[in-house]
Amino acid sequence: MNNVRLSTKAARDLERLRDFLYHQTRSRQVLRKFDREFENAKESISKNPSCYPLLEHNKKIRKKYQWKYWYFFIDYSDEVVIQRIFHESEDWLNNLE
């Protein structure tokens, strides 16, 4: 298993998405589901990061889709770094560097 961490931008994305969810739903249950799915995504990425497809326009970034969210990450030899997290309705293609 690889260590998975968030980049600064991904940490901000996570906070932004949690804030939006809570603002829209006012539900702690929804936030718990979001947190659980986030942890599941991290665990899945850590187990086998190379099984996820590379982006066509950036061959070092891989992508994973889970529960309405896209996770973009780079698999380094000693760790995996989630670079960005977007909701499926966001224009992630124009926001990735």
PDB file of N, CA and C in Angstrom:
ATOM      1  N   MET A   1       0.837  -1.189   0.000  1.00  0.00           N
ATOM      2  CA  MET A   1       0.000   0.000   0.000  1.00  0.00           C
ATOM      3  C   MET A   1       0.874   1.241   0.000  1.00  0.00           C
ATOM      4  N   ASN A   2       0.491   2.202  -0.803  1.00  0.00           N
ATOM      5  CA  ASN A   2       1.209   3.472  -0.883  1.00  0.00           C
ATOM      6  C   ASN A   2       0.603   4.486   0.079  1.00  0.00           C
ATOM      7  N   ASN A   3       1.451   5.356   0.604  1.00  0.00           N
ATOM      8  CA  ASN A   3       0.983   6.479   1.390  1.00  0.00           C
ATOM      9  C   ASN A   3       0.285   7.461   0.441  1.00  0.00           C
ATOM     10  N   VAL A   4      -0.894   7.941   0.822  1.00  0.00           N
ATOM     11  CA  VAL A   4      -1.633   8.912   0.012  1.00  0.00           C
ATOM     12  C   VAL A   4      -1.775  10.186   0.812  1.00  0.00           C
ATOM     13  N   ARG A   5      -1.398  11.295   0.177  1.00  0.00           N
ATOM     14  CA  ARG A   5      -1.569  12.592   0.836  1.00  0.00           C
ATOM     15  C   ARG A   5      -2.208  13.574  -0.135  1.00  0.00           C
ATOM     16  N   LEU A   6      -2.687  14.678   0.388  1.00  0.00           N
ATOM     17  CA  LEU A   6      -3.313  15.719  -0.426  1.00  0.00           C
ATOM     18  C   LEU A   6      -2.331  16.852  -0.678  1.00  0.00           C
ATOM     19  N   SER A   7      -2.348  17.359  -1.898  1.00  0.00           N
ATOM     20  CA  SER A   7      -1.607  18.595  -2.174  1.00  0.00           C
ATOM     21  C   SER A   7      -2.361  19.739  -1.492  1.00  0.00           C
ATOM     22  N   THR A   8      -1.754  20.898  -1.456  1.00  0.00           N
ATOM     23  CA  THR A   8      -2.418  22.068  -0.865  1.00  0.00           C
ATOM     24  C   THR A   8      -3.716  22.367  -1.600  1.00  0.00           C
ATOM     25  N   LYS A   9      -3.690  22.301  -2.933  1.00  0.00           N
ATOM     26  CA  LYS A   9      -4.898  22.578  -3.718  1.00  0.00           C
ATOM     27  C   LYS A   9      -5.972  21.527  -3.465  1.00  0.00           C
ATOM     28  N   ALA A  10      -5.597  20.277  -3.349  1.00  0.00           N
ATOM     29  CA  ALA A  10      -6.579  19.218  -3.084  1.00  0.00           C
ATOM     30  C   ALA A  10      -7.193  19.387  -1.696  1.00  0.00           C
ATOM     31  N   ALA A  11      -6.389  19.795  -0.722  1.00  0.00           N
ATOM     32  CA  ALA A  11      -6.917  20.043   0.628  1.00  0.00           C
ATOM     33  C   ALA A  11      -7.940  21.178   0.586  1.00  0.00           C
ATOM     34  N   ARG A  12      -7.651  22.204  -0.206  1.00  0.00           N
ATOM     35  CA  ARG A  12      -8.611  23.307  -0.367  1.00  0.00           C
ATOM     36  C   ARG A  12      -9.864  22.832  -1.088  1.00  0.00           C
ATOM     37  N   ASP A  13      -9.671  21.973  -2.116  1.00  0.00           N
ATOM     38  CA  ASP A  13     -10.821  21.404  -2.828  1.00  0.00           C
ATOM     39  C   ASP A  13     -11.712  20.628  -1.867  1.00  0.00           C
ATOM     40  N   LEU A  14     -11.110  19.803  -1.032  1.00  0.00           N
ATOM     41  CA  LEU A  14     -11.863  18.990  -0.079  1.00  0.00           C
ATOM     42  C   LEU A  14     -12.674  19.885   0.861  1.00  0.00           C
ATOM     43  N   GLU A  15     -12.049  20.910   1.373  1.00  0.00           N
ATOM     44  CA  GLU A  15     -12.746  21.844   2.266  1.00  0.00           C
ATOM     45  C   GLU A  15     -13.873  22.571   1.536  1.00  0.00           C
ATOM     46  N   ARG A  16     -13.597  23.008   0.305  1.00  0.00           N
ATOM     47  CA  ARG A  16     -14.605  23.716  -0.505  1.00  0.00           C
ATOM     48  C   ARG A  16     -15.812  22.811  -0.775  1.00  0.00           C
ATOM     49  N   LEU A  17     -15.551  21.563  -1.135  1.00  0.00           N
ATOM     50  CA  LEU A  17     -16.638  20.633  -1.438  1.00  0.00           C
ATOM     51  C   LEU A  17     -17.454  20.287  -0.192  1.00  0.00           C
ATOM     52  N   ARG A  18     -16.795  20.108   0.933  1.00  0.00           N
ATOM     53  CA  ARG A  18     -17.506  19.839   2.191  1.00  0.00           C
ATOM     54  C   ARG A  18     -18.371  21.041   2.582  1.00  0.00           C
ATOM     55  N   ASP A  19     -17.808  22.240   2.462  1.00  0.00           N
ATOM     56  CA  ASP A  19     -18.570  23.453   2.787  1.00  0.00           C
ATOM     57  C   ASP A  19     -19.800  23.579   1.890  1.00  0.00           C
ATOM     58  N   PHE A  20     -19.614  23.328   0.605  1.00  0.00           N
ATOM     59  CA  PHE A  20     -20.727  23.416  -0.336  1.00  0.00           C
ATOM     60  C   PHE A  20     -21.805  22.394   0.018  1.00  0.00           C
ATOM     61  N   LEU A  21     -21.399  21.159   0.281  1.00  0.00           N
ATOM     62  CA  LEU A  21     -22.367  20.113   0.639  1.00  0.00           C
ATOM     63  C   LEU A  21     -23.158  20.489   1.881  1.00  0.00           C
ATOM     64  N   TYR A  22     -22.452  20.979   2.885  1.00  0.00           N
ATOM     65  CA  TYR A  22     -23.150  21.328   4.115  1.00  0.00           C
ATOM     66  C   TYR A  22     -24.081  22.518   3.897  1.00  0.00           C
ATOM     67  N   HIS A  23     -23.621  23.497   3.136  1.00  0.00           N
ATOM     68  CA  HIS A  23     -24.445  24.672   2.855  1.00  0.00           C
ATOM     69  C   HIS A  23     -25.716  24.263   2.100  1.00  0.00           C
ATOM     70  N   GLN A  24     -25.602  23.319   1.169  1.00  0.00           N
ATOM     71  CA  GLN A  24     -26.742  22.879   0.373  1.00  0.00           C
ATOM     72  C   GLN A  24     -27.691  21.970   1.144  1.00  0.00           C
ATOM     73  N   THR A  25     -27.155  21.127   2.019  1.00  0.00           N
ATOM     74  CA  THR A  25     -27.994  20.101   2.644  1.00  0.00           C
ATOM     75  C   THR A  25     -28.249  20.317   4.129  1.00  0.00           C
ATOM     76  N   ARG A  26     -27.340  21.014   4.805  1.00  0.00           N
ATOM     77  CA  ARG A  26     -27.398  21.174   6.270  1.00  0.00           C
ATOM     78  C   ARG A  26     -27.479  19.805   6.965  1.00  0.00           C
ATOM     79  N   SER A  27     -26.858  18.813   6.350  1.00  0.00           N
ATOM     80  CA  SER A  27     -26.961  17.445   6.851  1.00  0.00           C
ATOM     81  C   SER A  27     -25.593  16.896   7.232  1.00  0.00           C
ATOM     82  N   ARG A  28     -25.442  16.557   8.488  1.00  0.00           N
ATOM     83  CA  ARG A  28     -24.201  15.914   8.923  1.00  0.00           C
ATOM     84  C   ARG A  28     -24.103  14.498   8.359  1.00  0.00           C
ATOM     85  N   GLN A  29     -25.229  13.880   8.116  1.00  0.00           N
ATOM     86  CA  GLN A  29     -25.239  12.535   7.526  1.00  0.00           C
ATOM     87  C   GLN A  29     -24.638  12.569   6.115  1.00  0.00           C
ATOM     88  N   VAL A  30     -24.971  13.578   5.345  1.00  0.00           N
ATOM     89  CA  VAL A  30     -24.409  13.726   4.003  1.00  0.00           C
ATOM     90  C   VAL A  30     -22.902  13.959   4.093  1.00  0.00           C
ATOM     91  N   LEU A  31     -22.472  14.768   5.044  1.00  0.00           N
ATOM     92  CA  LEU A  31     -21.035  15.001   5.226  1.00  0.00           C
ATOM     93  C   LEU A  31     -20.311  13.727   5.634  1.00  0.00           C
ATOM     94  N   ARG A  32     -20.930  12.930   6.477  1.00  0.00           N
ATOM     95  CA  ARG A  32     -20.320  11.651   6.858  1.00  0.00           C
ATOM     96  C   ARG A  32     -20.182  10.732   5.649  1.00  0.00           C
ATOM     97  N   LYS A  33     -21.195  10.717   4.799  1.00  0.00           N
ATOM     98  CA  LYS A  33     -21.135   9.908   3.571  1.00  0.00           C
ATOM     99  C   LYS A  33     -20.005  10.415   2.676  1.00  0.00           C
ATOM    100  N   PHE A  34     -19.902  11.726   2.518  1.00  0.00           N
ATOM    101  CA  PHE A  34     -18.830  12.315   1.719  1.00  0.00           C
ATOM    102  C   PHE A  34     -17.470  11.923   2.285  1.00  0.00           C
ATOM    103  N   ASP A  35     -17.299  12.057   3.583  1.00  0.00           N
ATOM    104  CA  ASP A  35     -16.025  11.713   4.229  1.00  0.00           C
ATOM    105  C   ASP A  35     -15.696  10.230   4.063  1.00  0.00           C
ATOM    106  N   ARG A  36     -16.704   9.385   4.218  1.00  0.00           N
ATOM    107  CA  ARG A  36     -16.505   7.938   4.069  1.00  0.00           C
ATOM    108  C   ARG A  36     -16.088   7.591   2.635  1.00  0.00           C
ATOM    109  N   GLU A  37     -16.753   8.208   1.660  1.00  0.00           N
ATOM    110  CA  GLU A  37     -16.408   7.951   0.258  1.00  0.00           C
ATOM    111  C   GLU A  37     -15.017   8.496  -0.081  1.00  0.00           C
ATOM    112  N   PHE A  38     -14.658   9.616   0.517  1.00  0.00           N
ATOM    113  CA  PHE A  38     -13.315  10.155   0.324  1.00  0.00           C
ATOM    114  C   PHE A  38     -12.268   9.173   0.859  1.00  0.00           C
ATOM    115  N   GLU A  39     -12.494   8.650   2.057  1.00  0.00           N
ATOM    116  CA  GLU A  39     -11.560   7.679   2.637  1.00  0.00           C
ATOM    117  C   GLU A  39     -11.508   6.403   1.798  1.00  0.00           C
ATOM    118  N   ASN A  40     -12.653   5.965   1.282  1.00  0.00           N
ATOM    119  CA  ASN A  40     -12.683   4.791   0.408  1.00  0.00           C
ATOM    120  C   ASN A  40     -11.880   5.040  -0.872  1.00  0.00           C
ATOM    121  N   ALA A  41     -12.006   6.227  -1.431  1.00  0.00           N
ATOM    122  CA  ALA A  41     -11.253   6.572  -2.638  1.00  0.00           C
ATOM    123  C   ALA A  41      -9.760   6.568  -2.354  1.00  0.00           C
ATOM    124  N   LYS A  42      -9.356   7.158  -1.238  1.00  0.00           N
ATOM    125  CA  LYS A  42      -7.935   7.160  -0.859  1.00  0.00           C
ATOM    126  C   LYS A  42      -7.407   5.743  -0.686  1.00  0.00           C
ATOM    127  N   GLU A  43      -8.180   4.904  -0.029  1.00  0.00           N
ATOM    128  CA  GLU A  43      -7.750   3.526   0.193  1.00  0.00           C
ATOM    129  C   GLU A  43      -7.614   2.776  -1.131  1.00  0.00           C
ATOM    130  N   SER A  44      -8.571   2.965  -2.006  1.00  0.00           N
ATOM    131  CA  SER A  44      -8.531   2.301  -3.312  1.00  0.00           C
ATOM    132  C   SER A  44      -7.324   2.768  -4.126  1.00  0.00           C
ATOM    133  N   ILE A  45      -7.066   4.054  -4.100  1.00  0.00           N
ATOM    134  CA  ILE A  45      -5.902   4.602  -4.811  1.00  0.00           C
ATOM    135  C   ILE A  45      -4.618   4.040  -4.214  1.00  0.00           C
ATOM    136  N   SER A  46      -4.549   3.963  -2.897  1.00  0.00           N
ATOM    137  CA  SER A  46      -3.319   3.508  -2.245  1.00  0.00           C
ATOM    138  C   SER A  46      -3.003   2.051  -2.567  1.00  0.00           C
ATOM    139  N   LYS A  47      -4.023   1.232  -2.758  1.00  0.00           N
ATOM    140  CA  LYS A  47      -3.816  -0.195  -3.010  1.00  0.00           C
ATOM    141  C   LYS A  47      -3.203  -0.467  -4.385  1.00  0.00           C
ATOM    142  N   ASN A  48      -3.654   0.282  -5.393  1.00  0.00           N
ATOM    143  CA  ASN A  48      -3.154   0.017  -6.744  1.00  0.00           C
ATOM    144  C   ASN A  48      -3.292   1.263  -7.612  1.00  0.00           C
ATOM    145  N   PRO A  49      -2.469   2.268  -7.375  1.00  0.00           N
ATOM    146  CA  PRO A  49      -2.621   3.523  -8.112  1.00  0.00           C
ATOM    147  C   PRO A  49      -2.438   3.381  -9.625  1.00  0.00           C
ATOM    148  N   SER A  50      -1.637   2.444 -10.042  1.00  0.00           N
ATOM    149  CA  SER A  50      -1.357   2.330 -11.485  1.00  0.00           C
ATOM    150  C   SER A  50      -2.519   1.736 -12.279  1.00  0.00           C
ATOM    151  N   CYS A  51      -3.553   1.250 -11.610  1.00  0.00           N
ATOM    152  CA  CYS A  51      -4.689   0.695 -12.345  1.00  0.00           C
ATOM    153  C   CYS A  51      -5.622   1.781 -12.874  1.00  0.00           C
ATOM    154  N   TYR A  52      -5.444   3.008 -12.429  1.00  0.00           N
ATOM    155  CA  TYR A  52      -6.302   4.102 -12.877  1.00  0.00           C
ATOM    156  C   TYR A  52      -5.714   4.761 -14.113  1.00  0.00           C
ATOM    157  N   PRO A  53      -6.584   5.195 -15.038  1.00  0.00           N
ATOM    158  CA  PRO A  53      -6.084   5.723 -16.312  1.00  0.00           C
ATOM    159  C   PRO A  53      -5.361   7.059 -16.170  1.00  0.00           C
ATOM    160  N   LEU A  54      -4.398   7.242 -17.058  1.00  0.00           N
ATOM    161  CA  LEU A  54      -3.704   8.516 -17.170  1.00  0.00           C
ATOM    162  C   LEU A  54      -4.557   9.477 -17.983  1.00  0.00           C
ATOM    163  N   LEU A  55      -4.430  10.763 -17.694  1.00  0.00           N
ATOM    164  CA  LEU A  55      -5.113  11.761 -18.510  1.00  0.00           C
ATOM    165  C   LEU A  55      -4.461  11.817 -19.889  1.00  0.00           C
ATOM    166  N   GLU A  56      -5.262  12.017 -20.901  1.00  0.00           N
ATOM    167  CA  GLU A  56      -4.717  12.081 -22.258  1.00  0.00           C
ATOM    168  C   GLU A  56      -3.797  13.273 -22.459  1.00  0.00           C
ATOM    169  N   HIS A  57      -4.139  14.403 -21.879  1.00  0.00           N
ATOM    170  CA  HIS A  57      -3.354  15.624 -22.103  1.00  0.00           C
ATOM    171  C   HIS A  57      -2.229  15.809 -21.080  1.00  0.00           C
ATOM    172  N   ASN A  58      -2.157  14.936 -20.079  1.00  0.00           N
ATOM    173  CA  ASN A  58      -1.096  15.029 -19.077  1.00  0.00           C
ATOM    174  C   ASN A  58      -0.795  13.615 -18.589  1.00  0.00           C
ATOM    175  N   LYS A  59       0.216  13.016 -19.126  1.00  0.00           N
ATOM    176  CA  LYS A  59       0.501  11.597 -18.897  1.00  0.00           C
ATOM    177  C   LYS A  59       1.079  11.279 -17.517  1.00  0.00           C
ATOM    178  N   LYS A  60       1.219  12.270 -16.643  1.00  0.00           N
ATOM    179  CA  LYS A  60       1.684  11.944 -15.290  1.00  0.00           C
ATOM    180  C   LYS A  60       0.540  11.924 -14.276  1.00  0.00           C
ATOM    181  N   ILE A  61      -0.616  12.472 -14.649  1.00  0.00           N
ATOM    182  CA  ILE A  61      -1.753  12.531 -13.734  1.00  0.00           C
ATOM    183  C   ILE A  61      -2.746  11.412 -14.060  1.00  0.00           C
ATOM    184  N   ARG A  62      -3.140  10.699 -13.023  1.00  0.00           N
ATOM    185  CA  ARG A  62      -4.155   9.652 -13.158  1.00  0.00           C
ATOM    186  C   ARG A  62      -5.472  10.167 -12.578  1.00  0.00           C
ATOM    187  N   LYS A  63      -6.566   9.511 -12.969  1.00  0.00           N
ATOM    188  CA  LYS A  63      -7.875   9.949 -12.474  1.00  0.00           C
ATOM    189  C   LYS A  63      -8.671   8.777 -11.933  1.00  0.00           C
ATOM    190  N   LYS A  64      -9.456   9.073 -10.924  1.00  0.00           N
ATOM    191  CA  LYS A  64     -10.368   8.093 -10.328  1.00  0.00           C
ATOM    192  C   LYS A  64     -11.701   8.783 -10.100  1.00  0.00           C
ATOM    193  N   TYR A  65     -12.772   8.085 -10.428  1.00  0.00           N
ATOM    194  CA  TYR A  65     -14.120   8.602 -10.194  1.00  0.00           C
ATOM    195  C   TYR A  65     -14.776   7.779  -9.098  1.00  0.00           C
ATOM    196  N   GLN A  66     -15.328   8.456  -8.109  1.00  0.00           N
ATOM    197  CA  GLN A  66     -16.050   7.763  -7.040  1.00  0.00           C
ATOM    198  C   GLN A  66     -17.106   8.679  -6.446  1.00  0.00           C
ATOM    199  N   TRP A  67     -18.326   8.186  -6.384  1.00  0.00           N
ATOM    200  CA  TRP A  67     -19.467   8.857  -5.771  1.00  0.00           C
ATOM    201  C   TRP A  67     -19.569  10.342  -6.159  1.00  0.00           C
ATOM    202  N   LYS A  68     -19.655  10.593  -7.448  1.00  0.00           N
ATOM    203  CA  LYS A  68     -19.864  11.931  -8.006  1.00  0.00           C
ATOM    204  C   LYS A  68     -18.633  12.831  -7.959  1.00  0.00           C
ATOM    205  N   TYR A  69     -17.482  12.285  -7.614  1.00  0.00           N
ATOM    206  CA  TYR A  69     -16.271  13.104  -7.495  1.00  0.00           C
ATOM    207  C   TYR A  69     -15.128  12.507  -8.304  1.00  0.00           C
ATOM    208  N   TRP A  70     -14.361  13.397  -8.888  1.00  0.00           N
ATOM    209  CA  TRP A  70     -13.144  13.034  -9.613  1.00  0.00           C
ATOM    210  C   TRP A  70     -11.947  13.331  -8.733  1.00  0.00           C
ATOM    211  N   TYR A  71     -11.050  12.358  -8.641  1.00  0.00           N
ATOM    212  CA  TYR A  71      -9.792  12.499  -7.908  1.00  0.00           C
ATOM    213  C   TYR A  71      -8.664  12.431  -8.923  1.00  0.00           C
ATOM    214  N   PHE A  72      -7.805  13.418  -8.929  1.00  0.00           N
ATOM    215  CA  PHE A  72      -6.664  13.469  -9.847  1.00  0.00           C
ATOM    216  C   PHE A  72      -5.395  13.367  -9.016  1.00  0.00           C
ATOM    217  N   PHE A  73      -4.538  12.421  -9.383  1.00  0.00           N
ATOM    218  CA  PHE A  73      -3.374  12.163  -8.538  1.00  0.00           C
ATOM    219  C   PHE A  73      -2.163  11.773  -9.358  1.00  0.00           C
ATOM    220  N   ILE A  74      -1.005  11.925  -8.715  1.00  0.00           N
ATOM    221  CA  ILE A  74       0.270  11.523  -9.305  1.00  0.00           C
ATOM    222  C   ILE A  74       0.846  10.420  -8.423  1.00  0.00           C
ATOM    223  N   ASP A  75       1.273   9.358  -9.080  1.00  0.00           N
ATOM    224  CA  ASP A  75       1.872   8.219  -8.393  1.00  0.00           C
ATOM    225  C   ASP A  75       3.392   8.362  -8.447  1.00  0.00           C
ATOM    226  N   TYR A  76       3.973   8.798  -7.335  1.00  0.00           N
ATOM    227  CA  TYR A  76       5.426   8.865  -7.223  1.00  0.00           C
ATOM    228  C   TYR A  76       5.912   7.522  -6.689  1.00  0.00           C
ATOM    229  N   SER A  77       7.171   7.281  -6.700  1.00  0.00           N
ATOM    230  CA  SER A  77       7.671   5.977  -6.257  1.00  0.00           C
ATOM    231  C   SER A  77       7.421   5.720  -4.769  1.00  0.00           C
ATOM    232  N   ASP A  78       7.459   6.768  -3.948  1.00  0.00           N
ATOM    233  CA  ASP A  78       7.319   6.578  -2.504  1.00  0.00           C
ATOM    234  C   ASP A  78       5.974   7.008  -1.929  1.00  0.00           C
ATOM    235  N   GLU A  79       5.152   7.691  -2.722  1.00  0.00           N
ATOM    236  CA  GLU A  79       3.844   8.126  -2.251  1.00  0.00           C
ATOM    237  C   GLU A  79       2.955   8.512  -3.428  1.00  0.00           C
ATOM    238  N   VAL A  80       1.675   8.643  -3.135  1.00  0.00           N
ATOM    239  CA  VAL A  80       0.698   9.123  -4.104  1.00  0.00           C
ATOM    240  C   VAL A  80       0.188  10.462  -3.592  1.00  0.00           C
ATOM    241  N   VAL A  81       0.153  11.454  -4.485  1.00  0.00           N
ATOM    242  CA  VAL A  81      -0.321  12.779  -4.085  1.00  0.00           C
ATOM    243  C   VAL A  81      -1.573  13.117  -4.889  1.00  0.00           C
ATOM    244  N   ILE A  82      -2.680  13.270  -4.180  1.00  0.00           N
ATOM    245  CA  ILE A  82      -3.906  13.724  -4.833  1.00  0.00           C
ATOM    246  C   ILE A  82      -3.729  15.209  -5.102  1.00  0.00           C
ATOM    247  N   GLN A  83      -3.790  15.573  -6.383  1.00  0.00           N
ATOM    248  CA  GLN A  83      -3.542  16.947  -6.797  1.00  0.00           C
ATOM    249  C   GLN A  83      -4.785  17.831  -6.711  1.00  0.00           C
ATOM    250  N   ARG A  84      -5.925  17.277  -7.156  1.00  0.00           N
ATOM    251  CA  ARG A  84      -7.179  18.046  -7.156  1.00  0.00           C
ATOM    252  C   ARG A  84      -8.344  17.095  -6.958  1.00  0.00           C
ATOM    253  N   ILE A  85      -9.461  17.636  -6.466  1.00  0.00           N
ATOM    254  CA  ILE A  85     -10.712  16.904  -6.305  1.00  0.00           C
ATOM    255  C   ILE A  85     -11.828  17.803  -6.829  1.00  0.00           C
ATOM    256  N   PHE A  86     -12.656  17.250  -7.713  1.00  0.00           N
ATOM    257  CA  PHE A  86     -13.752  18.026  -8.293  1.00  0.00           C
ATOM    258  C   PHE A  86     -15.049  17.229  -8.258  1.00  0.00           C
ATOM    259  N   HIS A  87     -16.148  17.943  -8.099  1.00  0.00           N
ATOM    260  CA  HIS A  87     -17.460  17.328  -8.279  1.00  0.00           C
ATOM    261  C   HIS A  87     -17.647  17.064  -9.768  1.00  0.00           C
ATOM    262  N   GLU A  88     -18.437  16.054 -10.097  1.00  0.00           N
ATOM    263  CA  GLU A  88     -18.629  15.679 -11.489  1.00  0.00           C
ATOM    264  C   GLU A  88     -19.202  16.806 -12.348  1.00  0.00           C
ATOM    265  N   SER A  89     -19.902  17.752 -11.756  1.00  0.00           N
ATOM    266  CA  SER A  89     -20.509  18.841 -12.528  1.00  0.00           C
ATOM    267  C   SER A  89     -19.551  20.007 -12.774  1.00  0.00           C
ATOM    268  N   GLU A  90     -18.387  19.984 -12.144  1.00  0.00           N
ATOM    269  CA  GLU A  90     -17.425  21.078 -12.316  1.00  0.00           C
ATOM    270  C   GLU A  90     -16.608  20.898 -13.596  1.00  0.00           C
ATOM    271  N   ASP A  91     -16.107  21.997 -14.100  1.00  0.00           N
ATOM    272  CA  ASP A  91     -15.279  21.994 -15.309  1.00  0.00           C
ATOM    273  C   ASP A  91     -13.828  21.690 -14.927  1.00  0.00           C
ATOM    274  N   TRP A  92     -13.572  20.441 -14.568  1.00  0.00           N
ATOM    275  CA  TRP A  92     -12.237  20.073 -14.093  1.00  0.00           C
ATOM    276  C   TRP A  92     -11.171  20.133 -15.174  1.00  0.00           C
ATOM    277  N   LEU A  93     -11.560  19.894 -16.412  1.00  0.00           N
ATOM    278  CA  LEU A  93     -10.579  19.868 -17.495  1.00  0.00           C
ATOM    279  C   LEU A  93      -9.829  21.200 -17.626  1.00  0.00           C
ATOM    280  N   ASN A  94     -10.547  22.299 -17.437  1.00  0.00           N
ATOM    281  CA  ASN A  94      -9.925  23.618 -17.552  1.00  0.00           C
ATOM    282  C   ASN A  94      -9.303  24.104 -16.250  1.00  0.00           C
ATOM    283  N   ASN A  95      -9.440  23.311 -15.189  1.00  0.00           N
ATOM    284  CA  ASN A  95      -8.869  23.704 -13.894  1.00  0.00           C
ATOM    285  C   ASN A  95      -7.664  22.881 -13.484  1.00  0.00           C
ATOM    286  N   LEU A  96      -7.292  21.913 -14.286  1.00  0.00           N
ATOM    287  CA  LEU A  96      -6.086  21.136 -13.988  1.00  0.00           C
ATOM    288  C   LEU A  96      -4.890  21.808 -14.627  1.00  0.00           C
ATOM    289  N   GLU A  97      -3.774  21.798 -13.920  1.00  0.00           N
ATOM    290  CA  GLU A  97      -2.561  22.377 -14.493  1.00  0.00           C
ATOM    291  C   GLU A  97      -1.679  21.294 -15.025  1.00  0.00           C
TER     292      GLU A  97
END
